[in-house]
Amino acid sequence: MSQRGVWQLQKLIVSYCNWGGSSRGIRAFMESELPSFKEANPQLEVVTELNRGQHPYLKGLYKNKNERVVSVMNMTAEDVQLCANRLRNSLGRKVVKLKTRHVTKHPSVQGTWTTDMQI
């Protein structure tokens, strides 16, 4: 995703095994859909690396020095395409768990409002 017109994903690393069965989908993705993915995203550096005997994954390196790793073990080529698009469209921020269900600067003294009213 772009933030102020600048794409946040700098580099996408595609790691696969040329022999393993869990890499079958990512090898099909590299043959069929990776060239068109590179052409559609000229701002993105796409690197493939061969890791023999390891499960495949996609690693995204972002401008804010964060990285995200997504396992694509036993996925089809279409699922790998979806994972690559999801990495490209994300901002690369860390996931922050909210402490409450609602966020406000002025919390209610009376409590959280609910729809069921019991009198």
PDB file of N, CA and C in Angstrom:
ATOM      1  N   MET A   1       0.849  -1.156   0.000  1.00  0.00           N
ATOM      2  CA  MET A   1       0.000   0.000   0.000  1.00  0.00           C
ATOM      3  C   MET A   1       0.895   1.219   0.000  1.00  0.00           C
ATOM      4  N   SER A   2       0.389   2.243  -0.569  1.00  0.00           N
ATOM      5  CA  SER A   2       1.191   3.456  -0.584  1.00  0.00           C
ATOM      6  C   SER A   2       0.753   4.380   0.533  1.00  0.00           C
ATOM      7  N   GLN A   3       1.718   5.013   1.115  1.00  0.00           N
ATOM      8  CA  GLN A   3       1.478   5.985   2.157  1.00  0.00           C
ATOM      9  C   GLN A   3       2.017   7.310   1.629  1.00  0.00           C
ATOM     10  N   ARG A   4       1.107   8.272   1.402  1.00  0.00           N
ATOM     11  CA  ARG A   4       1.443   9.555   0.786  1.00  0.00           C
ATOM     12  C   ARG A   4       2.056   9.374  -0.603  1.00  0.00           C
ATOM     13  N   GLY A   5       1.569   8.380  -1.325  1.00  0.00           N
ATOM     14  CA  GLY A   5       2.027   8.157  -2.692  1.00  0.00           C
ATOM     15  C   GLY A   5       3.297   7.359  -2.814  1.00  0.00           C
ATOM     16  N   VAL A   6       3.844   6.838  -1.713  1.00  0.00           N
ATOM     17  CA  VAL A   6       5.087   6.065  -1.748  1.00  0.00           C
ATOM     18  C   VAL A   6       4.769   4.634  -1.317  1.00  0.00           C
ATOM     19  N   TRP A   7       5.098   3.676  -2.187  1.00  0.00           N
ATOM     20  CA  TRP A   7       4.879   2.277  -1.838  1.00  0.00           C
ATOM     21  C   TRP A   7       5.801   1.889  -0.688  1.00  0.00           C
ATOM     22  N   GLN A   8       5.273   1.167   0.283  1.00  0.00           N
ATOM     23  CA  GLN A   8       6.037   0.839   1.484  1.00  0.00           C
ATOM     24  C   GLN A   8       6.870  -0.429   1.330  1.00  0.00           C
ATOM     25  N   LEU A   9       6.444  -1.364   0.476  1.00  0.00           N
ATOM     26  CA  LEU A   9       7.215  -2.588   0.278  1.00  0.00           C
ATOM     27  C   LEU A   9       8.360  -2.304  -0.677  1.00  0.00           C
ATOM     28  N   GLN A  10       9.578  -2.522  -0.203  1.00  0.00           N
ATOM     29  CA  GLN A  10      10.759  -2.281  -1.030  1.00  0.00           C
ATOM     30  C   GLN A  10      11.206  -3.537  -1.760  1.00  0.00           C
ATOM     31  N   LYS A  11      11.205  -4.656  -1.050  1.00  0.00           N
ATOM     32  CA  LYS A  11      11.817  -5.865  -1.589  1.00  0.00           C
ATOM     33  C   LYS A  11      10.971  -7.071  -1.220  1.00  0.00           C
ATOM     34  N   LEU A  12      10.753  -7.948  -2.175  1.00  0.00           N
ATOM     35  CA  LEU A  12      10.029  -9.198  -1.951  1.00  0.00           C
ATOM     36  C   LEU A  12      10.976 -10.347  -2.251  1.00  0.00           C
ATOM     37  N   ILE A  13      11.222 -11.186  -1.263  1.00  0.00           N
ATOM     38  CA  ILE A  13      12.116 -12.333  -1.415  1.00  0.00           C
ATOM     39  C   ILE A  13      11.258 -13.587  -1.523  1.00  0.00           C
ATOM     40  N   VAL A  14      11.425 -14.321  -2.614  1.00  0.00           N
ATOM     41  CA  VAL A  14      10.693 -15.559  -2.867  1.00  0.00           C
ATOM     42  C   VAL A  14      11.668 -16.706  -2.641  1.00  0.00           C
ATOM     43  N   SER A  15      11.452 -17.464  -1.577  1.00  0.00           N
ATOM     44  CA  SER A  15      12.341 -18.568  -1.244  1.00  0.00           C
ATOM     45  C   SER A  15      11.616 -19.884  -1.527  1.00  0.00           C
ATOM     46  N   TYR A  16      12.297 -20.809  -2.201  1.00  0.00           N
ATOM     47  CA  TYR A  16      11.672 -22.058  -2.606  1.00  0.00           C
ATOM     48  C   TYR A  16      12.705 -23.176  -2.659  1.00  0.00           C
ATOM     49  N   CYS A  17      12.215 -24.390  -2.831  1.00  0.00           N
ATOM     50  CA  CYS A  17      13.059 -25.564  -3.025  1.00  0.00           C
ATOM     51  C   CYS A  17      12.738 -26.127  -4.407  1.00  0.00           C
ATOM     52  N   ASN A  18      13.763 -26.488  -5.172  1.00  0.00           N
ATOM     53  CA  ASN A  18      13.511 -26.988  -6.519  1.00  0.00           C
ATOM     54  C   ASN A  18      13.139 -28.464  -6.544  1.00  0.00           C
ATOM     55  N   TRP A  19      13.111 -29.110  -5.394  1.00  0.00           N
ATOM     56  CA  TRP A  19      12.859 -30.539  -5.355  1.00  0.00           C
ATOM     57  C   TRP A  19      11.629 -30.889  -4.524  1.00  0.00           C
ATOM     58  N   GLY A  20      11.371 -30.171  -3.448  1.00  0.00           N
ATOM     59  CA  GLY A  20      10.342 -30.538  -2.484  1.00  0.00           C
ATOM     60  C   GLY A  20       8.924 -30.386  -3.001  1.00  0.00           C
ATOM     61  N   GLY A  21       8.042 -31.223  -2.475  1.00  0.00           N
ATOM     62  CA  GLY A  21       6.639 -31.188  -2.876  1.00  0.00           C
ATOM     63  C   GLY A  21       5.883 -30.015  -2.302  1.00  0.00           C
ATOM     64  N   SER A  22       6.332 -29.483  -1.167  1.00  0.00           N
ATOM     65  CA  SER A  22       5.633 -28.338  -0.582  1.00  0.00           C
ATOM     66  C   SER A  22       5.894 -27.057  -1.367  1.00  0.00           C
ATOM     67  N   SER A  23       6.874 -27.066  -2.258  1.00  0.00           N
ATOM     68  CA  SER A  23       7.194 -25.900  -3.089  1.00  0.00           C
ATOM     69  C   SER A  23       6.561 -25.968  -4.471  1.00  0.00           C
ATOM     70  N   ARG A  24       5.697 -26.938  -4.715  1.00  0.00           N
ATOM     71  CA  ARG A  24       5.108 -27.111  -6.044  1.00  0.00           C
ATOM     72  C   ARG A  24       4.319 -25.880  -6.471  1.00  0.00           C
ATOM     73  N   GLY A  25       3.537 -25.305  -5.566  1.00  0.00           N
ATOM     74  CA  GLY A  25       2.719 -24.141  -5.897  1.00  0.00           C
ATOM     75  C   GLY A  25       3.550 -22.898  -6.170  1.00  0.00           C
ATOM     76  N   ILE A  26       4.606 -22.700  -5.399  1.00  0.00           N
ATOM     77  CA  ILE A  26       5.425 -21.505  -5.602  1.00  0.00           C
ATOM     78  C   ILE A  26       6.261 -21.633  -6.872  1.00  0.00           C
ATOM     79  N   ARG A  27       6.633 -22.852  -7.259  1.00  0.00           N
ATOM     80  CA  ARG A  27       7.331 -23.020  -8.535  1.00  0.00           C
ATOM     81  C   ARG A  27       6.401 -22.719  -9.703  1.00  0.00           C
ATOM     82  N   ALA A  28       5.136 -23.125  -9.590  1.00  0.00           N
ATOM     83  CA  ALA A  28       4.152 -22.807 -10.633  1.00  0.00           C
ATOM     84  C   ALA A  28       3.891 -21.303 -10.676  1.00  0.00           C
ATOM     85  N   PHE A  29       3.874 -20.658  -9.510  1.00  0.00           N
ATOM     86  CA  PHE A  29       3.710 -19.203  -9.451  1.00  0.00           C
ATOM     87  C   PHE A  29       4.871 -18.500 -10.144  1.00  0.00           C
ATOM     88  N   MET A  30       6.080 -18.981  -9.925  1.00  0.00           N
ATOM     89  CA  MET A  30       7.255 -18.354 -10.524  1.00  0.00           C
ATOM     90  C   MET A  30       7.256 -18.516 -12.043  1.00  0.00           C
ATOM     91  N   GLU A  31       6.751 -19.618 -12.545  1.00  0.00           N
ATOM     92  CA  GLU A  31       6.724 -19.829 -13.994  1.00  0.00           C
ATOM     93  C   GLU A  31       5.627 -19.014 -14.667  1.00  0.00           C
ATOM     94  N   SER A  32       4.455 -18.965 -14.048  1.00  0.00           N
ATOM     95  CA  SER A  32       3.310 -18.386 -14.747  1.00  0.00           C
ATOM     96  C   SER A  32       3.026 -16.938 -14.364  1.00  0.00           C
ATOM     97  N   GLU A  33       3.022 -16.605 -13.085  1.00  0.00           N
ATOM     98  CA  GLU A  33       2.507 -15.308 -12.643  1.00  0.00           C
ATOM     99  C   GLU A  33       3.561 -14.322 -12.144  1.00  0.00           C
ATOM    100  N   LEU A  34       4.753 -14.772 -11.828  1.00  0.00           N
ATOM    101  CA  LEU A  34       5.772 -13.863 -11.309  1.00  0.00           C
ATOM    102  C   LEU A  34       6.249 -12.835 -12.342  1.00  0.00           C
ATOM    103  N   PRO A  35       6.429 -13.193 -13.629  1.00  0.00           N
ATOM    104  CA  PRO A  35       6.823 -12.147 -14.594  1.00  0.00           C
ATOM    105  C   PRO A  35       5.800 -11.026 -14.735  1.00  0.00           C
ATOM    106  N   SER A  36       4.527 -11.376 -14.748  1.00  0.00           N
ATOM    107  CA  SER A  36       3.504 -10.326 -14.841  1.00  0.00           C
ATOM    108  C   SER A  36       3.424  -9.529 -13.541  1.00  0.00           C
ATOM    109  N   PHE A  37       3.708 -10.175 -12.399  1.00  0.00           N
ATOM    110  CA  PHE A  37       3.726  -9.463 -11.110  1.00  0.00           C
ATOM    111  C   PHE A  37       4.861  -8.449 -11.089  1.00  0.00           C
ATOM    112  N   LYS A  38       6.019  -8.817 -11.648  1.00  0.00           N
ATOM    113  CA  LYS A  38       7.155  -7.891 -11.711  1.00  0.00           C
ATOM    114  C   LYS A  38       6.856  -6.707 -12.623  1.00  0.00           C
ATOM    115  N   GLU A  39       6.196  -6.970 -13.752  1.00  0.00           N
ATOM    116  CA  GLU A  39       5.866  -5.891 -14.680  1.00  0.00           C
ATOM    117  C   GLU A  39       4.829  -4.946 -14.099  1.00  0.00           C
ATOM    118  N   ALA A  40       3.892  -5.479 -13.334  1.00  0.00           N
ATOM    119  CA  ALA A  40       2.851  -4.647 -12.744  1.00  0.00           C
ATOM    120  C   ALA A  40       3.371  -3.816 -11.577  1.00  0.00           C
ATOM    121  N   ASN A  41       4.494  -4.215 -10.982  1.00  0.00           N
ATOM    122  CA  ASN A  41       5.052  -3.527  -9.819  1.00  0.00           C
ATOM    123  C   ASN A  41       6.519  -3.169 -10.074  1.00  0.00           C
ATOM    124  N   PRO A  42       6.771  -2.139 -10.897  1.00  0.00           N
ATOM    125  CA  PRO A  42       8.171  -1.788 -11.187  1.00  0.00           C
ATOM    126  C   PRO A  42       8.898  -1.169  -9.997  1.00  0.00           C
ATOM    127  N   GLN A  43       8.171  -0.670  -9.002  1.00  0.00           N
ATOM    128  CA  GLN A  43       8.796  -0.065  -7.825  1.00  0.00           C
ATOM    129  C   GLN A  43       9.341  -1.120  -6.871  1.00  0.00           C
ATOM    130  N   LEU A  44       9.014  -2.381  -7.116  1.00  0.00           N
ATOM    131  CA  LEU A  44       9.316  -3.462  -6.192  1.00  0.00           C
ATOM    132  C   LEU A  44      10.482  -4.293  -6.717  1.00  0.00           C
ATOM    133  N   GLU A  45      11.443  -4.560  -5.847  1.00  0.00           N
ATOM    134  CA  GLU A  45      12.557  -5.440  -6.200  1.00  0.00           C
ATOM    135  C   GLU A  45      12.181  -6.859  -5.789  1.00  0.00           C
ATOM    136  N   VAL A  46      12.124  -7.761  -6.752  1.00  0.00           N
ATOM    137  CA  VAL A  46      11.743  -9.153  -6.497  1.00  0.00           C
ATOM    138  C   VAL A  46      12.980 -10.020  -6.646  1.00  0.00           C
ATOM    139  N   VAL A  47      13.301 -10.775  -5.589  1.00  0.00           N
ATOM    140  CA  VAL A  47      14.486 -11.627  -5.571  1.00  0.00           C
ATOM    141  C   VAL A  47      14.031 -13.054  -5.295  1.00  0.00           C
ATOM    142  N   THR A  48      14.535 -14.000  -6.067  1.00  0.00           N
ATOM    143  CA  THR A  48      14.257 -15.409  -5.808  1.00  0.00           C
ATOM    144  C   THR A  48      15.519 -16.048  -5.241  1.00  0.00           C
ATOM    145  N   GLU A  49      15.317 -16.886  -4.240  1.00  0.00           N
ATOM    146  CA  GLU A  49      16.467 -17.600  -3.669  1.00  0.00           C
ATOM    147  C   GLU A  49      16.107 -19.061  -3.491  1.00  0.00           C
ATOM    148  N   LEU A  50      17.045 -19.901  -3.786  1.00  0.00           N
ATOM    149  CA  LEU A  50      16.880 -21.347  -3.728  1.00  0.00           C
ATOM    150  C   LEU A  50      17.377 -21.845  -2.379  1.00  0.00           C
ATOM    151  N   ASN A  51      16.482 -22.431  -1.604  1.00  0.00           N
ATOM    152  CA  ASN A  51      16.838 -23.051  -0.324  1.00  0.00           C
ATOM    153  C   ASN A  51      16.444 -24.519  -0.406  1.00  0.00           C
ATOM    154  N   ARG A  52      17.399 -25.361  -0.725  1.00  0.00           N
ATOM    155  CA  ARG A  52      17.091 -26.779  -0.889  1.00  0.00           C
ATOM    156  C   ARG A  52      16.749 -27.422   0.439  1.00  0.00           C
ATOM    157  N   GLY A  53      15.679 -28.213   0.426  1.00  0.00           N
ATOM    158  CA  GLY A  53      15.270 -28.946   1.617  1.00  0.00           C
ATOM    159  C   GLY A  53      14.503 -28.108   2.620  1.00  0.00           C
ATOM    160  N   GLN A  54      14.132 -26.875   2.283  1.00  0.00           N
ATOM    161  CA  GLN A  54      13.391 -25.994   3.196  1.00  0.00           C
ATOM    162  C   GLN A  54      12.013 -25.717   2.612  1.00  0.00           C
ATOM    163  N   HIS A  55      11.063 -25.416   3.484  1.00  0.00           N
ATOM    164  CA  HIS A  55       9.729 -25.059   3.031  1.00  0.00           C
ATOM    165  C   HIS A  55       9.745 -23.656   2.418  1.00  0.00           C
ATOM    166  N   PRO A  56       8.863 -23.397   1.465  1.00  0.00           N
ATOM    167  CA  PRO A  56       8.872 -22.090   0.777  1.00  0.00           C
ATOM    168  C   PRO A  56       8.224 -21.002   1.626  1.00  0.00           C
ATOM    169  N   TYR A  57       8.655 -19.766   1.387  1.00  0.00           N
ATOM    170  CA  TYR A  57       8.071 -18.616   2.061  1.00  0.00           C
ATOM    171  C   TYR A  57       8.275 -17.371   1.226  1.00  0.00           C
ATOM    172  N   LEU A  58       7.488 -16.353   1.528  1.00  0.00           N
ATOM    173  CA  LEU A  58       7.639 -15.023   0.955  1.00  0.00           C
ATOM    174  C   LEU A  58       8.047 -14.093   2.079  1.00  0.00           C
ATOM    175  N   LYS A  59       9.049 -13.270   1.837  1.00  0.00           N
ATOM    176  CA  LYS A  59       9.504 -12.313   2.848  1.00  0.00           C
ATOM    177  C   LYS A  59       9.425 -10.920   2.250  1.00  0.00           C
ATOM    178  N   GLY A  60       8.726 -10.029   2.950  1.00  0.00           N
ATOM    179  CA  GLY A  60       8.611  -8.652   2.508  1.00  0.00           C
ATOM    180  C   GLY A  60       9.436  -7.733   3.388  1.00  0.00           C
ATOM    181  N   LEU A  61      10.275  -6.906   2.775  1.00  0.00           N
ATOM    182  CA  LEU A  61      11.090  -5.930   3.497  1.00  0.00           C
ATOM    183  C   LEU A  61      10.526  -4.545   3.204  1.00  0.00           C
ATOM    184  N   TYR A  62      10.196  -3.792   4.258  1.00  0.00           N
ATOM    185  CA  TYR A  62       9.495  -2.523   4.128  1.00  0.00           C
ATOM    186  C   TYR A  62      10.427  -1.346   4.385  1.00  0.00           C
ATOM    187  N   LYS A  63       9.969  -0.159   4.043  1.00  0.00           N
ATOM    188  CA  LYS A  63      10.758   1.063   4.210  1.00  0.00           C
ATOM    189  C   LYS A  63      11.008   1.392   5.681  1.00  0.00           C
ATOM    190  N   ASN A  64      10.109   0.979   6.568  1.00  0.00           N
ATOM    191  CA  ASN A  64      10.275   1.282   7.986  1.00  0.00           C
ATOM    192  C   ASN A  64      11.108   0.221   8.704  1.00  0.00           C
ATOM    193  N   LYS A  65      11.905  -0.540   7.958  1.00  0.00           N
ATOM    194  CA  LYS A  65      12.860  -1.533   8.468  1.00  0.00           C
ATOM    195  C   LYS A  65      12.193  -2.756   9.084  1.00  0.00           C
ATOM    196  N   ASN A  66      10.889  -2.925   8.881  1.00  0.00           N
ATOM    197  CA  ASN A  66      10.207  -4.130   9.348  1.00  0.00           C
ATOM    198  C   ASN A  66      10.214  -5.159   8.236  1.00  0.00           C
ATOM    199  N   GLU A  67      10.011  -6.400   8.624  1.00  0.00           N
ATOM    200  CA  GLU A  67       9.906  -7.460   7.635  1.00  0.00           C
ATOM    201  C   GLU A  67       8.791  -8.400   8.042  1.00  0.00           C
ATOM    202  N   ARG A  68       8.136  -8.955   7.030  1.00  0.00           N
ATOM    203  CA  ARG A  68       7.055  -9.908   7.246  1.00  0.00           C
ATOM    204  C   ARG A  68       7.369 -11.166   6.471  1.00  0.00           C
ATOM    205  N   VAL A  69       7.202 -12.303   7.115  1.00  0.00           N
ATOM    206  CA  VAL A  69       7.457 -13.585   6.479  1.00  0.00           C
ATOM    207  C   VAL A  69       6.143 -14.355   6.452  1.00  0.00           C
ATOM    208  N   VAL A  70       5.785 -14.854   5.257  1.00  0.00           N
ATOM    209  CA  VAL A  70       4.553 -15.617   5.081  1.00  0.00           C
ATOM    210  C   VAL A  70       4.925 -16.978   4.527  1.00  0.00           C
ATOM    211  N   SER A  71       4.512 -18.028   5.206  1.00  0.00           N
ATOM    212  CA  SER A  71       4.765 -19.375   4.717  1.00  0.00           C
ATOM    213  C   SER A  71       3.764 -19.698   3.612  1.00  0.00           C
ATOM    214  N   VAL A  72       4.251 -20.211   2.491  1.00  0.00           N
ATOM    215  CA  VAL A  72       3.387 -20.588   1.383  1.00  0.00           C
ATOM    216  C   VAL A  72       3.507 -22.092   1.111  1.00  0.00           C
ATOM    217  N   MET A  73       3.686 -22.845   2.178  1.00  0.00           N
ATOM    218  CA  MET A  73       3.848 -24.285   2.082  1.00  0.00           C
ATOM    219  C   MET A  73       2.543 -24.930   1.615  1.00  0.00           C
ATOM    220  N   ASN A  74       2.624 -25.761   0.598  1.00  0.00           N
ATOM    221  CA  ASN A  74       1.501 -26.526   0.037  1.00  0.00           C
ATOM    222  C   ASN A  74       0.381 -25.650  -0.488  1.00  0.00           C
ATOM    223  N   MET A  75       0.661 -24.438  -0.927  1.00  0.00           N
ATOM    224  CA  MET A  75      -0.352 -23.560  -1.509  1.00  0.00           C
ATOM    225  C   MET A  75      -0.311 -23.664  -3.026  1.00  0.00           C
ATOM    226  N   THR A  76      -1.430 -23.321  -3.656  1.00  0.00           N
ATOM    227  CA  THR A  76      -1.484 -23.285  -5.108  1.00  0.00           C
ATOM    228  C   THR A  76      -0.872 -21.976  -5.603  1.00  0.00           C
ATOM    229  N   ALA A  77      -0.692 -21.874  -6.909  1.00  0.00           N
ATOM    230  CA  ALA A  77      -0.092 -20.665  -7.487  1.00  0.00           C
ATOM    231  C   ALA A  77      -0.991 -19.452  -7.253  1.00  0.00           C
ATOM    232  N   GLU A  78      -2.312 -19.648  -7.281  1.00  0.00           N
ATOM    233  CA  GLU A  78      -3.242 -18.536  -7.050  1.00  0.00           C
ATOM    234  C   GLU A  78      -3.166 -18.051  -5.601  1.00  0.00           C
ATOM    235  N   ASP A  79      -3.017 -18.992  -4.660  1.00  0.00           N
ATOM    236  CA  ASP A  79      -2.890 -18.602  -3.249  1.00  0.00           C
ATOM    237  C   ASP A  79      -1.583 -17.862  -2.993  1.00  0.00           C
ATOM    238  N   VAL A  80      -0.513 -18.264  -3.677  1.00  0.00           N
ATOM    239  CA  VAL A  80       0.764 -17.571  -3.542  1.00  0.00           C
ATOM    240  C   VAL A  80       0.645 -16.159  -4.100  1.00  0.00           C
ATOM    241  N   GLN A  81      -0.093 -16.010  -5.210  1.00  0.00           N
ATOM    242  CA  GLN A  81      -0.337 -14.685  -5.795  1.00  0.00           C
ATOM    243  C   GLN A  81      -1.085 -13.796  -4.799  1.00  0.00           C
ATOM    244  N   LEU A  82      -2.082 -14.357  -4.119  1.00  0.00           N
ATOM    245  CA  LEU A  82      -2.826 -13.585  -3.114  1.00  0.00           C
ATOM    246  C   LEU A  82      -1.929 -13.159  -1.955  1.00  0.00           C
ATOM    247  N   CYS A  83      -1.039 -14.050  -1.523  1.00  0.00           N
ATOM    248  CA  CYS A  83      -0.125 -13.708  -0.428  1.00  0.00           C
ATOM    249  C   CYS A  83       0.849 -12.612  -0.860  1.00  0.00           C
ATOM    250  N   ALA A  84       1.336 -12.679  -2.098  1.00  0.00           N
ATOM    251  CA  ALA A  84       2.253 -11.650  -2.591  1.00  0.00           C
ATOM    252  C   ALA A  84       1.538 -10.305  -2.690  1.00  0.00           C
ATOM    253  N   ASN A  85       0.295 -10.310  -3.159  1.00  0.00           N
ATOM    254  CA  ASN A  85      -0.479  -9.067  -3.226  1.00  0.00           C
ATOM    255  C   ASN A  85      -0.765  -8.516  -1.833  1.00  0.00           C
ATOM    256  N   ARG A  86      -1.016  -9.387  -0.881  1.00  0.00           N
ATOM    257  CA  ARG A  86      -1.289  -8.949   0.490  1.00  0.00           C
ATOM    258  C   ARG A  86      -0.046  -8.313   1.111  1.00  0.00           C
ATOM    259  N   LEU A  87       1.117  -8.885   0.841  1.00  0.00           N
ATOM    260  CA  LEU A  87       2.358  -8.278   1.338  1.00  0.00           C
ATOM    261  C   LEU A  87       2.604  -6.924   0.686  1.00  0.00           C
ATOM    262  N   ARG A  88       2.331  -6.828  -0.630  1.00  0.00           N
ATOM    263  CA  ARG A  88       2.533  -5.565  -1.329  1.00  0.00           C
ATOM    264  C   ARG A  88       1.581  -4.485  -0.816  1.00  0.00           C
ATOM    265  N   ASN A  89       0.361  -4.860  -0.482  1.00  0.00           N
ATOM    266  CA  ASN A  89      -0.650  -3.884  -0.081  1.00  0.00           C
ATOM    267  C   ASN A  89      -0.578  -3.496   1.390  1.00  0.00           C
ATOM    268  N   SER A  90       0.198  -4.187   2.188  1.00  0.00           N
ATOM    269  CA  SER A  90       0.263  -3.842   3.602  1.00  0.00           C
ATOM    270  C   SER A  90       1.317  -2.766   3.845  1.00  0.00           C
ATOM    271  N   LEU A  91       1.186  -2.088   4.972  1.00  0.00           N
ATOM    272  CA  LEU A  91       2.093  -0.995   5.305  1.00  0.00           C
ATOM    273  C   LEU A  91       3.358  -1.463   6.016  1.00  0.00           C
ATOM    274  N   GLY A  92       3.358  -2.678   6.517  1.00  0.00           N
ATOM    275  CA  GLY A  92       4.541  -3.189   7.193  1.00  0.00           C
ATOM    276  C   GLY A  92       4.611  -2.843   8.659  1.00  0.00           C
ATOM    277  N   ARG A  93       3.537  -2.311   9.189  1.00  0.00           N
ATOM    278  CA  ARG A  93       3.527  -1.978  10.621  1.00  0.00           C
ATOM    279  C   ARG A  93       3.346  -3.232  11.455  1.00  0.00           C
ATOM    280  N   LYS A  94       3.810  -3.163  12.691  1.00  0.00           N
ATOM    281  CA  LYS A  94       3.606  -4.252  13.620  1.00  0.00           C
ATOM    282  C   LYS A  94       2.144  -4.286  14.037  1.00  0.00           C
ATOM    283  N   VAL A  95       1.639  -5.467  14.314  1.00  0.00           N
ATOM    284  CA  VAL A  95       0.256  -5.616  14.739  1.00  0.00           C
ATOM    285  C   VAL A  95       0.179  -5.281  16.221  1.00  0.00           C
ATOM    286  N   VAL A  96      -0.714  -4.349  16.561  1.00  0.00           N
ATOM    287  CA  VAL A  96      -0.870  -3.912  17.949  1.00  0.00           C
ATOM    288  C   VAL A  96      -2.225  -4.385  18.440  1.00  0.00           C
ATOM    289  N   LYS A  97      -2.223  -5.112  19.534  1.00  0.00           N
ATOM    290  CA  LYS A  97      -3.471  -5.595  20.106  1.00  0.00           C
ATOM    291  C   LYS A  97      -4.069  -4.489  20.970  1.00  0.00           C
ATOM    292  N   LEU A  98      -5.339  -4.198  20.732  1.00  0.00           N
ATOM    293  CA  LEU A  98      -6.017  -3.167  21.511  1.00  0.00           C
ATOM    294  C   LEU A  98      -6.400  -3.707  22.875  1.00  0.00           C
ATOM    295  N   LYS A  99      -6.325  -2.874  23.880  1.00  0.00           N
ATOM    296  CA  LYS A  99      -6.639  -3.310  25.231  1.00  0.00           C
ATOM    297  C   LYS A  99      -8.141  -3.354  25.471  1.00  0.00           C
ATOM    298  N   THR A 100      -8.891  -2.504  24.785  1.00  0.00           N
ATOM    299  CA  THR A 100     -10.346  -2.502  24.924  1.00  0.00           C
ATOM    300  C   THR A 100     -10.977  -2.636  23.551  1.00  0.00           C
ATOM    301  N   ARG A 101     -12.282  -2.844  23.529  1.00  0.00           N
ATOM    302  CA  ARG A 101     -12.973  -3.001  22.265  1.00  0.00           C
ATOM    303  C   ARG A 101     -13.180  -1.672  21.569  1.00  0.00           C
ATOM    304  N   HIS A 102     -13.211  -0.590  22.289  1.00  0.00           N
ATOM    305  CA  HIS A 102     -13.404   0.721  21.687  1.00  0.00           C
ATOM    306  C   HIS A 102     -12.282   1.657  22.140  1.00  0.00           C
ATOM    307  N   VAL A 103     -11.928   2.555  21.279  1.00  0.00           N
ATOM    308  CA  VAL A 103     -10.846   3.488  21.568  1.00  0.00           C
ATOM    309  C   VAL A 103     -11.429   4.891  21.580  1.00  0.00           C
ATOM    310  N   THR A 104     -11.215   5.608  22.655  1.00  0.00           N
ATOM    311  CA  THR A 104     -11.709   6.965  22.766  1.00  0.00           C
ATOM    312  C   THR A 104     -10.786   7.764  23.673  1.00  0.00           C
ATOM    313  N   LYS A 105     -10.781   9.072  23.491  1.00  0.00           N
ATOM    314  CA  LYS A 105      -9.965   9.922  24.354  1.00  0.00           C
ATOM    315  C   LYS A 105     -10.658  10.186  25.684  1.00  0.00           C
ATOM    316  N   HIS A 106     -11.980  10.119  25.679  1.00  0.00           N
ATOM    317  CA  HIS A 106     -12.767  10.391  26.885  1.00  0.00           C
ATOM    318  C   HIS A 106     -13.647   9.189  27.194  1.00  0.00           C
ATOM    319  N   PRO A 107     -13.144   8.224  27.948  1.00  0.00           N
ATOM    320  CA  PRO A 107     -13.954   7.043  28.235  1.00  0.00           C
ATOM    321  C   PRO A 107     -15.161   7.391  29.108  1.00  0.00           C
ATOM    322  N   SER A 108     -16.219   6.634  28.910  1.00  0.00           N
ATOM    323  CA  SER A 108     -17.456   6.896  29.636  1.00  0.00           C
ATOM    324  C   SER A 108     -17.319   6.475  31.091  1.00  0.00           C
ATOM    325  N   VAL A 109     -17.868   7.296  31.977  1.00  0.00           N
ATOM    326  CA  VAL A 109     -17.860   6.978  33.394  1.00  0.00           C
ATOM    327  C   VAL A 109     -18.924   5.928  33.688  1.00  0.00           C
ATOM    328  N   GLN A 110     -19.970   5.915  32.890  1.00  0.00           N
ATOM    329  CA  GLN A 110     -21.100   5.033  33.130  1.00  0.00           C
ATOM    330  C   GLN A 110     -20.855   3.621  32.628  1.00  0.00           C
ATOM    331  N   GLY A 111     -19.900   3.420  31.762  1.00  0.00           N
ATOM    332  CA  GLY A 111     -19.636   2.089  31.245  1.00  0.00           C
ATOM    333  C   GLY A 111     -19.900   2.014  29.755  1.00  0.00           C
ATOM    334  N   THR A 112     -19.747   0.833  29.205  1.00  0.00           N
ATOM    335  CA  THR A 112     -19.924   0.619  27.774  1.00  0.00           C
ATOM    336  C   THR A 112     -21.405   0.505  27.451  1.00  0.00           C
ATOM    337  N   TRP A 113     -21.830   1.150  26.379  1.00  0.00           N
ATOM    338  CA  TRP A 113     -23.220   1.116  25.971  1.00  0.00           C
ATOM    339  C   TRP A 113     -23.528  -0.201  25.278  1.00  0.00           C
ATOM    340  N   THR A 114     -24.654  -0.804  25.605  1.00  0.00           N
ATOM    341  CA  THR A 114     -25.091  -2.031  24.959  1.00  0.00           C
ATOM    342  C   THR A 114     -26.509  -1.868  24.437  1.00  0.00           C
ATOM    343  N   THR A 115     -26.902  -2.707  23.485  1.00  0.00           N
ATOM    344  CA  THR A 115     -28.218  -2.608  22.878  1.00  0.00           C
ATOM    345  C   THR A 115     -29.303  -3.290  23.709  1.00  0.00           C
ATOM    346  N   ASP A 116     -28.950  -4.301  24.456  1.00  0.00           N
ATOM    347  CA  ASP A 116     -29.965  -4.985  25.260  1.00  0.00           C
ATOM    348  C   ASP A 116     -30.164  -4.247  26.570  1.00  0.00           C
ATOM    349  N   MET A 117     -31.392  -3.857  26.781  1.00  0.00           N
ATOM    350  CA  MET A 117     -31.721  -3.065  27.975  1.00  0.00           C
ATOM    351  C   MET A 117     -32.571  -3.910  28.917  1.00  0.00           C
ATOM    352  N   GLN A 118     -32.107  -4.073  30.121  1.00  0.00           N
ATOM    353  CA  GLN A 118     -32.821  -4.868  31.103  1.00  0.00           C
ATOM    354  C   GLN A 118     -33.215  -3.977  32.264  1.00  0.00           C
ATOM    355  N   ILE A 119     -34.531  -3.898  32.470  1.00  0.00           N
ATOM    356  CA  ILE A 119     -35.044  -3.031  33.536  1.00  0.00           C
ATOM    357  C   ILE A 119     -35.633  -3.863  34.649  1.00  0.00           C
TER     358      ILE A 119
END
